[in-house]
Protein backbone atom coordinates (compact mmCIF):
# COMPACT_ATOMS: atom_id res chain seq x y z
CA MET A 1 20.20 164.78 78.97
CA VAL A 2 19.45 161.11 79.27
CA ILE A 3 18.53 159.04 76.19
CA TYR A 4 16.78 155.71 76.45
CA LEU A 5 16.57 153.41 73.41
CA PHE A 6 13.70 150.97 73.11
CA GLY A 7 13.61 149.20 69.80
CA TRP A 8 13.72 151.91 67.18
CA GLU A 9 12.31 154.63 69.40
CA ARG A 10 14.33 157.13 71.39
CA PHE A 11 13.09 158.71 74.57
CA TYR A 12 14.81 161.87 75.72
CA MET A 13 14.65 163.43 79.14
CA THR A 14 16.53 165.92 81.16
CA GLN A 15 17.15 165.55 84.85
CA GLU A 16 19.10 167.21 87.65
CA THR A 17 19.70 166.30 91.27
CA VAL A 18 19.29 169.11 93.77
CA THR A 19 19.42 169.28 97.58
CA ILE A 20 16.78 171.08 99.58
CA GLU A 21 18.73 173.65 101.57
CA ASN A 22 16.05 175.89 103.10
CA LYS A 23 15.50 175.20 106.83
CA THR A 24 11.78 174.44 106.59
CA GLY A 25 11.97 172.11 103.59
CA ILE A 26 9.11 172.08 101.04
CA HIS A 27 6.09 173.16 102.97
CA ALA A 28 2.99 174.90 101.61
CA ARG A 29 4.52 178.10 100.22
CA PRO A 30 7.57 176.59 98.53
CA ALA A 31 5.38 173.74 97.18
CA SER A 32 2.95 176.25 95.72
CA VAL A 33 5.78 178.25 94.03
CA PHE A 34 7.35 175.05 92.73
CA VAL A 35 4.07 173.83 91.24
CA GLN A 36 3.27 177.25 89.71
CA THR A 37 6.67 177.26 88.07
CA ALA A 38 6.28 173.67 86.84
CA THR A 39 2.87 174.34 85.28
CA LYS A 40 4.38 177.03 83.03
CA PHE A 41 6.04 174.27 80.99
CA LYS A 42 4.52 171.78 78.52
CA SER A 43 6.83 168.97 79.46
CA LYS A 44 5.93 166.10 81.78
CA ILE A 45 7.80 166.87 84.98
CA GLN A 46 8.37 164.51 87.88
CA ILE A 47 10.13 164.68 91.21
CA GLU A 48 11.92 161.56 92.52
CA ALA A 49 13.08 161.39 96.13
CA LYS A 50 12.99 158.95 99.07
CA GLY A 51 12.07 156.07 96.74
CA LYS A 52 9.00 157.79 95.33
CA LYS A 53 8.31 159.51 92.00
CA VAL A 54 5.48 162.07 91.79
CA ASP A 55 3.98 164.56 89.35
CA ALA A 56 5.73 167.91 89.93
CA LYS A 57 2.59 169.74 88.86
CA SER A 58 0.55 168.41 91.77
CA ILE A 59 0.88 170.28 95.05
CA LEU A 60 -0.68 167.41 97.02
CA MET A 61 1.75 164.88 95.58
CA LEU A 62 4.72 167.14 96.16
CA MET A 63 3.78 167.91 99.77
CA SER A 64 3.06 164.22 100.45
CA MET A 65 6.75 163.46 99.93
CA GLY A 66 7.77 165.15 103.17
CA LEU A 67 10.85 166.83 101.66
CA VAL A 68 12.91 168.32 104.50
CA GLN A 69 16.22 170.20 104.59
CA GLY A 70 19.06 168.03 103.30
CA THR A 71 16.88 165.83 101.12
CA GLN A 72 18.19 165.14 97.64
CA MET A 73 15.64 165.01 94.87
CA ASN A 74 15.79 164.45 91.09
CA ILE A 75 13.86 166.82 88.87
CA ILE A 76 13.04 164.90 85.69
CA ALA A 77 11.39 166.43 82.65
CA GLU A 78 10.40 164.97 79.27
CA GLY A 79 9.08 167.10 76.45
CA GLU A 80 9.73 169.99 74.14
CA ASP A 81 10.89 172.45 76.86
CA GLU A 82 12.40 169.92 79.28
CA ALA A 83 15.82 171.58 79.62
CA ASP A 84 14.25 174.98 80.48
CA ALA A 85 11.89 173.33 82.92
CA VAL A 86 14.62 171.47 84.79
CA LYS A 87 16.78 174.59 84.90
CA ALA A 88 14.00 176.82 86.22
CA LEU A 89 13.01 174.35 88.95
CA ALA A 90 16.57 173.57 89.96
CA ASP A 91 17.29 177.33 90.19
CA LEU A 92 14.24 177.73 92.38
CA VAL A 93 15.34 174.98 94.77
CA ASN A 94 18.90 176.24 94.81
CA SER A 95 17.68 179.76 95.67
CA LYS A 96 15.98 178.27 98.78
CA PHE A 97 12.64 179.37 97.34
CA GLY A 98 13.66 182.95 98.25
CA GLU A 99 13.05 182.21 101.89
CA GLU A 100 16.54 182.83 103.31
């Protein structure tokens, strides 16, 4: 968990760095599964990789990143179920989206 302090307000977020291990990277099917999983959570979820940060609940944004095998990405969530969201999405990536 990361805590940012701005004035008197605290902003909490959970993040985890994962590496895409499946041979085909994040193409249409894994992107669809990733987004379906992300939309189950109320938290704001973003993916950060290759110098970009996008909404993890948008299949178009996720696919536009061109995430290939070996790419590291940060899964960042902020909200009431952020820890569960990050864990579920990290587990999905680490399982190679069930492709291999």
